[in-house]
Amino acid sequence: EWPTDPTFLPVGPDEQLLQQLKARGLMPVYRPYAD
């Protein structure tokens, strides 16, 4: 139970997606959220 809407709370990177992008030879640029 959360006293506030947690929908937009940052939880870190999607590691699976990150590895897929790297495997394709793409350079990731990470965009973190502030909270």
ModelCIF file with pLDDT and N, C-alpha, C, O atoms, coordinates in Angstrom:
data_MODEL
#
_entry.id   MODEL 
#
_entity.id                         1 
_entity.type                       polymer 
_entity.pdbx_number_of_molecules   1 
#
_entity_poly.entity_id                      1 
_entity_poly.type                           'polypeptide(L)' 
_entity_poly.nstd_linkage                   no 
_entity_poly.nstd_monomer                   no 
_entity_poly.pdbx_seq_one_letter_code       EWPTDPTFLPVGPDEQLLQQLKARGLMPVYRPYAD 
_entity_poly.pdbx_seq_one_letter_code_can   EWPTDPTFLPVGPDEQLLQQLKARGLMPVYRPYAD 
_entity_poly.pdbx_strand_id                 A 
#
loop_
_entity_poly_seq.entity_id 
_entity_poly_seq.num 
_entity_poly_seq.mon_id 
_entity_poly_seq.hetero 
1 1  GLU n 
1 2  TRP n 
1 3  PRO n 
1 4  THR n 
1 5  ASP n 
1 6  PRO n 
1 7  THR n 
1 8  PHE n 
1 9  LEU n 
1 10 PRO n 
1 11 VAL n 
1 12 GLY n 
1 13 PRO n 
1 14 ASP n 
1 15 GLU n 
1 16 GLN n 
1 17 LEU n 
1 18 LEU n 
1 19 GLN n 
1 20 GLN n 
1 21 LEU n 
1 22 LYS n 
1 23 ALA n 
1 24 ARG n 
1 25 GLY n 
1 26 LEU n 
1 27 MET n 
1 28 PRO n 
1 29 VAL n 
1 30 TYR n 
1 31 ARG n 
1 32 PRO n 
1 33 TYR n 
1 34 ALA n 
1 35 ASP n 
#
_struct_asym.id          A 
_struct_asym.entity_id   1 
#
loop_
_ma_qa_metric.id 
_ma_qa_metric.mode 
_ma_qa_metric.name 
_ma_qa_metric.software_group_id 
_ma_qa_metric.type 
1 global pLDDT . pLDDT 
2 local  pLDDT . pLDDT 
#
_ma_qa_metric_global.metric_id      1 
_ma_qa_metric_global.metric_value   95.97 
_ma_qa_metric_global.model_id       1 
_ma_qa_metric_global.ordinal_id     1 
#
loop_
_ma_qa_metric_local.label_asym_id 
_ma_qa_metric_local.label_comp_id 
_ma_qa_metric_local.label_seq_id 
_ma_qa_metric_local.metric_id 
_ma_qa_metric_local.metric_value 
_ma_qa_metric_local.model_id 
_ma_qa_metric_local.ordinal_id 
A GLU 1  2 97.00 1 1  
A TRP 2  2 97.00 1 2  
A PRO 3  2 96.00 1 3  
A THR 4  2 95.00 1 4  
A ASP 5  2 96.00 1 5  
A PRO 6  2 97.00 1 6  
A THR 7  2 96.00 1 7  
A PHE 8  2 96.00 1 8  
A LEU 9  2 97.00 1 9  
A PRO 10 2 97.00 1 10 
A VAL 11 2 97.00 1 11 
A GLY 12 2 95.00 1 12 
A PRO 13 2 96.00 1 13 
A ASP 14 2 95.00 1 14 
A GLU 15 2 94.00 1 15 
A GLN 16 2 94.00 1 16 
A LEU 17 2 95.00 1 17 
A LEU 18 2 96.00 1 18 
A GLN 19 2 96.00 1 19 
A GLN 20 2 95.00 1 20 
A LEU 21 2 96.00 1 21 
A LYS 22 2 96.00 1 22 
A ALA 23 2 95.00 1 23 
A ARG 24 2 95.00 1 24 
A GLY 25 2 96.00 1 25 
A LEU 26 2 97.00 1 26 
A MET 27 2 97.00 1 27 
A PRO 28 2 97.00 1 28 
A VAL 29 2 97.00 1 29 
A TYR 30 2 98.00 1 30 
A ARG 31 2 97.00 1 31 
A PRO 32 2 97.00 1 32 
A TYR 33 2 96.00 1 33 
A ALA 34 2 94.00 1 34 
A ASP 35 2 94.00 1 35 
#
loop_
_atom_site.group_PDB 
_atom_site.id 
_atom_site.type_symbol 
_atom_site.label_atom_id 
_atom_site.label_alt_id 
_atom_site.label_comp_id 
_atom_site.label_asym_id 
_atom_site.label_entity_id 
_atom_site.label_seq_id 
_atom_site.pdbx_PDB_ins_code 
_atom_site.Cartn_x 
_atom_site.Cartn_y 
_atom_site.Cartn_z 
_atom_site.occupancy 
_atom_site.B_iso_or_equiv 
_atom_site.pdbx_formal_charge 
_atom_site.auth_seq_id 
_atom_site.auth_comp_id 
_atom_site.auth_asym_id 
_atom_site.auth_atom_id 
_atom_site.pdbx_PDB_model_num 
ATOM 1   N N  . GLU A 1 1  ? 0.838  -1.203 0.000   1.00 97.00 ? 1  GLU A N  1 
ATOM 2   C CA . GLU A 1 1  ? 0.000  0.000  0.000   1.00 97.00 ? 1  GLU A CA 1 
ATOM 3   C C  . GLU A 1 1  ? 0.873  1.253  0.000   1.00 97.00 ? 1  GLU A C  1 
ATOM 4   O O  . GLU A 1 1  ? 1.772  1.395  0.829   1.00 97.00 ? 1  GLU A O  1 
ATOM 5   N N  . TRP A 1 2  ? 0.595  2.169  -0.948  1.00 97.00 ? 2  TRP A N  1 
ATOM 6   C CA . TRP A 1 2  ? 1.344  3.411  -1.096  1.00 97.00 ? 2  TRP A CA 1 
ATOM 7   C C  . TRP A 1 2  ? 0.421  4.592  -0.818  1.00 97.00 ? 2  TRP A C  1 
ATOM 8   O O  . TRP A 1 2  ? -0.709 4.611  -1.305  1.00 97.00 ? 2  TRP A O  1 
ATOM 9   N N  . PRO A 1 3  ? 0.873  5.571  -0.051  1.00 96.00 ? 3  PRO A N  1 
ATOM 10  C CA . PRO A 1 3  ? 0.019  6.722  0.245   1.00 96.00 ? 3  PRO A CA 1 
ATOM 11  C C  . PRO A 1 3  ? -0.074 7.731  -0.901  1.00 96.00 ? 3  PRO A C  1 
ATOM 12  O O  . PRO A 1 3  ? -0.864 8.672  -0.834  1.00 96.00 ? 3  PRO A O  1 
ATOM 13  N N  . THR A 1 4  ? 0.724  7.542  -1.944  1.00 95.00 ? 4  THR A N  1 
ATOM 14  C CA . THR A 1 4  ? 0.724  8.447  -3.101  1.00 95.00 ? 4  THR A CA 1 
ATOM 15  C C  . THR A 1 4  ? 0.880  7.628  -4.367  1.00 95.00 ? 4  THR A C  1 
ATOM 16  O O  . THR A 1 4  ? 1.354  6.493  -4.324  1.00 95.00 ? 4  THR A O  1 
ATOM 17  N N  . ASP A 1 5  ? 0.489  8.192  -5.477  1.00 96.00 ? 5  ASP A N  1 
ATOM 18  C CA . ASP A 1 5  ? 0.558  7.470  -6.747  1.00 96.00 ? 5  ASP A CA 1 
ATOM 19  C C  . ASP A 1 5  ? 2.018  7.222  -7.129  1.00 96.00 ? 5  ASP A C  1 
ATOM 20  O O  . ASP A 1 5  ? 2.757  8.178  -7.361  1.00 96.00 ? 5  ASP A O  1 
ATOM 21  N N  . PRO A 1 6  ? 2.451  5.950  -7.198  1.00 97.00 ? 6  PRO A N  1 
ATOM 22  C CA . PRO A 1 6  ? 3.859  5.663  -7.497  1.00 97.00 ? 6  PRO A CA 1 
ATOM 23  C C  . PRO A 1 6  ? 4.145  5.461  -8.984  1.00 97.00 ? 6  PRO A C  1 
ATOM 24  O O  . PRO A 1 6  ? 5.248  5.059  -9.354  1.00 97.00 ? 6  PRO A O  1 
ATOM 25  N N  . THR A 1 7  ? 3.159  5.737  -9.835  1.00 96.00 ? 7  THR A N  1 
ATOM 26  C CA . THR A 1 7  ? 3.292  5.410  -11.262 1.00 96.00 ? 7  THR A CA 1 
ATOM 27  C C  . THR A 1 7  ? 4.568  5.970  -11.874 1.00 96.00 ? 7  THR A C  1 
ATOM 28  O O  . THR A 1 7  ? 5.232  5.290  -12.657 1.00 96.00 ? 7  THR A O  1 
ATOM 29  N N  . PHE A 1 8  ? 4.916  7.212  -11.522 1.00 96.00 ? 8  PHE A N  1 
ATOM 30  C CA . PHE A 1 8  ? 6.039  7.881  -12.188 1.00 96.00 ? 8  PHE A CA 1 
ATOM 31  C C  . PHE A 1 8  ? 7.311  7.926  -11.332 1.00 96.00 ? 8  PHE A C  1 
ATOM 32  O O  . PHE A 1 8  ? 8.207  8.727  -11.599 1.00 96.00 ? 8  PHE A O  1 
ATOM 33  N N  . LEU A 1 9  ? 7.390  7.093  -10.335 1.00 97.00 ? 9  LEU A N  1 
ATOM 34  C CA . LEU A 1 9  ? 8.623  7.019  -9.548  1.00 97.00 ? 9  LEU A CA 1 
ATOM 35  C C  . LEU A 1 9  ? 9.690  6.269  -10.347 1.00 97.00 ? 9  LEU A C  1 
ATOM 36  O O  . LEU A 1 9  ? 9.414  5.183  -10.857 1.00 97.00 ? 9  LEU A O  1 
ATOM 37  N N  . PRO A 1 10 ? 10.900 6.820  -10.469 1.00 97.00 ? 10 PRO A N  1 
ATOM 38  C CA . PRO A 1 10 ? 11.952 6.138  -11.249 1.00 97.00 ? 10 PRO A CA 1 
ATOM 39  C C  . PRO A 1 10 ? 12.449 4.880  -10.552 1.00 97.00 ? 10 PRO A C  1 
ATOM 40  O O  . PRO A 1 10 ? 12.600 4.842  -9.331  1.00 97.00 ? 10 PRO A O  1 
ATOM 41  N N  . VAL A 1 11 ? 12.699 3.847  -11.361 1.00 97.00 ? 11 VAL A N  1 
ATOM 42  C CA . VAL A 1 11 ? 13.123 2.553  -10.802 1.00 97.00 ? 11 VAL A CA 1 
ATOM 43  C C  . VAL A 1 11 ? 14.433 2.050  -11.407 1.00 97.00 ? 11 VAL A C  1 
ATOM 44  O O  . VAL A 1 11 ? 14.778 0.883  -11.218 1.00 97.00 ? 11 VAL A O  1 
ATOM 45  N N  . GLY A 1 12 ? 15.178 2.901  -12.134 1.00 95.00 ? 12 GLY A N  1 
ATOM 46  C CA . GLY A 1 12 ? 16.430 2.455  -12.723 1.00 95.00 ? 12 GLY A CA 1 
ATOM 47  C C  . GLY A 1 12 ? 16.257 2.008  -14.160 1.00 95.00 ? 12 GLY A C  1 
ATOM 48  O O  . GLY A 1 12 ? 15.165 2.134  -14.715 1.00 95.00 ? 12 GLY A O  1 
ATOM 49  N N  . PRO A 1 13 ? 17.305 1.490  -14.775 1.00 96.00 ? 13 PRO A N  1 
ATOM 50  C CA . PRO A 1 13 ? 17.260 1.151  -16.206 1.00 96.00 ? 13 PRO A CA 1 
ATOM 51  C C  . PRO A 1 13 ? 16.576 -0.184 -16.467 1.00 96.00 ? 13 PRO A C  1 
ATOM 52  O O  . PRO A 1 13 ? 16.523 -1.055 -15.598 1.00 96.00 ? 13 PRO A O  1 
ATOM 53  N N  . ASP A 1 14 ? 16.057 -0.324 -17.675 1.00 95.00 ? 14 ASP A N  1 
ATOM 54  C CA . ASP A 1 14 ? 15.573 -1.602 -18.170 1.00 95.00 ? 14 ASP A CA 1 
ATOM 55  C C  . ASP A 1 14 ? 16.790 -2.357 -18.711 1.00 95.00 ? 14 ASP A C  1 
ATOM 56  O O  . ASP A 1 14 ? 17.198 -2.164 -19.856 1.00 95.00 ? 14 ASP A O  1 
ATOM 57  N N  . GLU A 1 15 ? 17.361 -3.222 -17.863 1.00 94.00 ? 15 GLU A N  1 
ATOM 58  C CA . GLU A 1 15 ? 18.622 -3.874 -18.217 1.00 94.00 ? 15 GLU A CA 1 
ATOM 59  C C  . GLU A 1 15 ? 18.473 -4.777 -19.437 1.00 94.00 ? 15 GLU A C  1 
ATOM 60  O O  . GLU A 1 15 ? 19.392 -4.870 -20.251 1.00 94.00 ? 15 GLU A O  1 
ATOM 61  N N  . GLN A 1 16 ? 17.329 -5.441 -19.573 1.00 94.00 ? 16 GLN A N  1 
ATOM 62  C CA . GLN A 1 16 ? 17.136 -6.322 -20.719 1.00 94.00 ? 16 GLN A CA 1 
ATOM 63  C C  . GLN A 1 16 ? 17.150 -5.526 -22.021 1.00 94.00 ? 16 GLN A C  1 
ATOM 64  O O  . GLN A 1 16 ? 17.794 -5.923 -22.992 1.00 94.00 ? 16 GLN A O  1 
ATOM 65  N N  . LEU A 1 17 ? 16.436 -4.398 -22.035 1.00 95.00 ? 17 LEU A N  1 
ATOM 66  C CA . LEU A 1 17 ? 16.434 -3.549 -23.228 1.00 95.00 ? 17 LEU A CA 1 
ATOM 67  C C  . LEU A 1 17 ? 17.826 -3.002 -23.500 1.00 95.00 ? 17 LEU A C  1 
ATOM 68  O O  . LEU A 1 17 ? 18.268 -2.940 -24.648 1.00 95.00 ? 17 LEU A O  1 
ATOM 69  N N  . LEU A 1 18 ? 18.514 -2.606 -22.434 1.00 96.00 ? 18 LEU A N  1 
ATOM 70  C CA . LEU A 1 18 ? 19.863 -2.053 -22.596 1.00 96.00 ? 18 LEU A CA 1 
ATOM 71  C C  . LEU A 1 18 ? 20.782 -3.054 -23.279 1.00 96.00 ? 18 LEU A C  1 
ATOM 72  O O  . LEU A 1 18 ? 21.534 -2.685 -24.181 1.00 96.00 ? 18 LEU A O  1 
ATOM 73  N N  . GLN A 1 19 ? 20.733 -4.297 -22.869 1.00 96.00 ? 19 GLN A N  1 
ATOM 74  C CA . GLN A 1 19 ? 21.603 -5.308 -23.466 1.00 96.00 ? 19 GLN A CA 1 
ATOM 75  C C  . GLN A 1 19 ? 21.216 -5.586 -24.912 1.00 96.00 ? 19 GLN A C  1 
ATOM 76  O O  . GLN A 1 19 ? 22.082 -5.848 -25.747 1.00 96.00 ? 19 GLN A O  1 
ATOM 77  N N  . GLN A 1 20 ? 19.920 -5.530 -25.214 1.00 95.00 ? 20 GLN A N  1 
ATOM 78  C CA . GLN A 1 20 ? 19.482 -5.722 -26.604 1.00 95.00 ? 20 GLN A CA 1 
ATOM 79  C C  . GLN A 1 20 ? 20.022 -4.618 -27.503 1.00 95.00 ? 20 GLN A C  1 
ATOM 80  O O  . GLN A 1 20 ? 20.482 -4.881 -28.614 1.00 95.00 ? 20 GLN A O  1 
ATOM 81  N N  . LEU A 1 21 ? 19.963 -3.383 -27.016 1.00 96.00 ? 21 LEU A N  1 
ATOM 82  C CA . LEU A 1 21 ? 20.443 -2.253 -27.816 1.00 96.00 ? 21 LEU A CA 1 
ATOM 83  C C  . LEU A 1 21 ? 21.950 -2.344 -28.035 1.00 96.00 ? 21 LEU A C  1 
ATOM 84  O O  . LEU A 1 21 ? 22.445 -2.100 -29.135 1.00 96.00 ? 21 LEU A O  1 
ATOM 85  N N  . LYS A 1 22 ? 22.670 -2.698 -26.974 1.00 96.00 ? 22 LYS A N  1 
ATOM 86  C CA . LYS A 1 22 ? 24.124 -2.843 -27.111 1.00 96.00 ? 22 LYS A CA 1 
ATOM 87  C C  . LYS A 1 22 ? 24.475 -3.959 -28.077 1.00 96.00 ? 22 LYS A C  1 
ATOM 88  O O  . LYS A 1 22 ? 25.418 -3.840 -28.858 1.00 96.00 ? 22 LYS A O  1 
ATOM 89  N N  . ALA A 1 23 ? 23.701 -5.063 -28.023 1.00 95.00 ? 23 ALA A N  1 
ATOM 90  C CA . ALA A 1 23 ? 23.969 -6.186 -28.919 1.00 95.00 ? 23 ALA A CA 1 
ATOM 91  C C  . ALA A 1 23 ? 23.769 -5.799 -30.378 1.00 95.00 ? 23 ALA A C  1 
ATOM 92  O O  . ALA A 1 23 ? 24.395 -6.381 -31.265 1.00 95.00 ? 23 ALA A O  1 
ATOM 93  N N  . ARG A 1 24 ? 22.907 -4.826 -30.633 1.00 95.00 ? 24 ARG A N  1 
ATOM 94  C CA . ARG A 1 24 ? 22.682 -4.340 -31.993 1.00 95.00 ? 24 ARG A CA 1 
ATOM 95  C C  . ARG A 1 24 ? 23.744 -3.345 -32.442 1.00 95.00 ? 24 ARG A C  1 
ATOM 96  O O  . ARG A 1 24 ? 23.711 -2.870 -33.578 1.00 95.00 ? 24 ARG A O  1 
ATOM 97  N N  . GLY A 1 25 ? 24.687 -3.026 -31.555 1.00 96.00 ? 25 GLY A N  1 
ATOM 98  C CA . GLY A 1 25 ? 25.739 -2.075 -31.899 1.00 96.00 ? 25 GLY A CA 1 
ATOM 99  C C  . GLY A 1 25 ? 25.345 -0.634 -31.700 1.00 96.00 ? 25 GLY A C  1 
ATOM 100 O O  . GLY A 1 25 ? 26.002 0.266  -32.221 1.00 96.00 ? 25 GLY A O  1 
ATOM 101 N N  . LEU A 1 26 ? 24.283 -0.400 -30.955 1.00 97.00 ? 26 LEU A N  1 
ATOM 102 C CA . LEU A 1 26 ? 23.823 0.961  -30.701 1.00 97.00 ? 26 LEU A CA 1 
ATOM 103 C C  . LEU A 1 26 ? 24.417 1.504  -29.409 1.00 97.00 ? 26 LEU A C  1 
ATOM 104 O O  . LEU A 1 26 ? 24.578 0.774  -28.432 1.00 97.00 ? 26 LEU A O  1 
ATOM 105 N N  . MET A 1 27 ? 24.736 2.772  -29.415 1.00 97.00 ? 27 MET A N  1 
ATOM 106 C CA . MET A 1 27 ? 25.322 3.443  -28.254 1.00 97.00 ? 27 MET A CA 1 
ATOM 107 C C  . MET A 1 27 ? 24.194 4.024  -27.401 1.00 97.00 ? 27 MET A C  1 
ATOM 108 O O  . MET A 1 27 ? 23.486 4.923  -27.854 1.00 97.00 ? 27 MET A O  1 
ATOM 109 N N  . PRO A 1 28 ? 24.014 3.521  -26.162 1.00 97.00 ? 28 PRO A N  1 
ATOM 110 C CA . PRO A 1 28 ? 22.931 4.054  -25.329 1.00 97.00 ? 28 PRO A CA 1 
ATOM 111 C C  . PRO A 1 28 ? 23.317 5.399  -24.694 1.00 97.00 ? 28 PRO A C  1 
ATOM 112 O O  . PRO A 1 28 ? 24.441 5.588  -24.231 1.00 97.00 ? 28 PRO A O  1 
ATOM 113 N N  . VAL A 1 29 ? 22.366 6.307  -24.689 1.00 97.00 ? 29 VAL A N  1 
ATOM 114 C CA . VAL A 1 29 ? 22.483 7.560  -23.952 1.00 97.00 ? 29 VAL A CA 1 
ATOM 115 C C  . VAL A 1 29 ? 21.407 7.511  -22.867 1.00 97.00 ? 29 VAL A C  1 
ATOM 116 O O  . VAL A 1 29 ? 20.215 7.523  -23.173 1.00 97.00 ? 29 VAL A O  1 
ATOM 117 N N  . TYR A 1 30 ? 21.822 7.457  -21.610 1.00 98.00 ? 30 TYR A N  1 
ATOM 118 C CA . TYR A 1 30 ? 20.885 7.237  -20.511 1.00 98.00 ? 30 TYR A CA 1 
ATOM 119 C C  . TYR A 1 30 ? 20.277 8.546  -20.050 1.00 98.00 ? 30 TYR A C  1 
ATOM 120 O O  . TYR A 1 30 ? 20.982 9.544  -19.899 1.00 98.00 ? 30 TYR A O  1 
ATOM 121 N N  . ARG A 1 31 ? 18.956 8.547  -19.821 1.00 97.00 ? 31 ARG A N  1 
ATOM 122 C CA . ARG A 1 31 ? 18.231 9.738  -19.419 1.00 97.00 ? 31 ARG A CA 1 
ATOM 123 C C  . ARG A 1 31 ? 17.524 9.477  -18.084 1.00 97.00 ? 31 ARG A C  1 
ATOM 124 O O  . ARG A 1 31 ? 16.375 9.035  -18.075 1.00 97.00 ? 31 ARG A O  1 
ATOM 125 N N  . PRO A 1 32 ? 18.189 9.743  -16.965 1.00 97.00 ? 32 PRO A N  1 
ATOM 126 C CA . PRO A 1 32 ? 17.587 9.478  -15.651 1.00 97.00 ? 32 PRO A CA 1 
ATOM 127 C C  . PRO A 1 32 ? 16.602 10.567 -15.248 1.00 97.00 ? 32 PRO A C  1 
ATOM 128 O O  . PRO A 1 32 ? 16.694 11.710 -15.696 1.00 97.00 ? 32 PRO A O  1 
ATOM 129 N N  . TYR A 1 33 ? 15.659 10.186 -14.392 1.00 96.00 ? 33 TYR A N  1 
ATOM 130 C CA . TYR A 1 33 ? 14.686 11.136 -13.856 1.00 96.00 ? 33 TYR A CA 1 
ATOM 131 C C  . TYR A 1 33 ? 15.106 11.571 -12.453 1.00 96.00 ? 33 TYR A C  1 
ATOM 132 O O  . TYR A 1 33 ? 15.746 10.822 -11.715 1.00 96.00 ? 33 TYR A O  1 
ATOM 133 N N  . ALA A 1 34 ? 14.733 12.786 -12.113 1.00 94.00 ? 34 ALA A N  1 
ATOM 134 C CA . ALA A 1 34 ? 14.989 13.300 -10.770 1.00 94.00 ? 34 ALA A CA 1 
ATOM 135 C C  . ALA A 1 34 ? 13.712 13.181 -9.943  1.00 94.00 ? 34 ALA A C  1 
ATOM 136 O O  . ALA A 1 34 ? 12.627 13.533 -10.404 1.00 94.00 ? 34 ALA A O  1 
ATOM 137 N N  . ASP A 1 35 ? 13.855 12.679 -8.716  1.00 94.00 ? 35 ASP A N  1 
ATOM 138 C CA . ASP A 1 35 ? 12.727 12.609 -7.792  1.00 94.00 ? 35 ASP A CA 1 
ATOM 139 C C  . ASP A 1 35 ? 13.281 12.607 -6.376  1.00 94.00 ? 35 ASP A C  1 
ATOM 140 O O  . ASP A 1 35 ? 12.516 12.553 -5.414  1.00 94.00 ? 35 ASP A O  1 
#
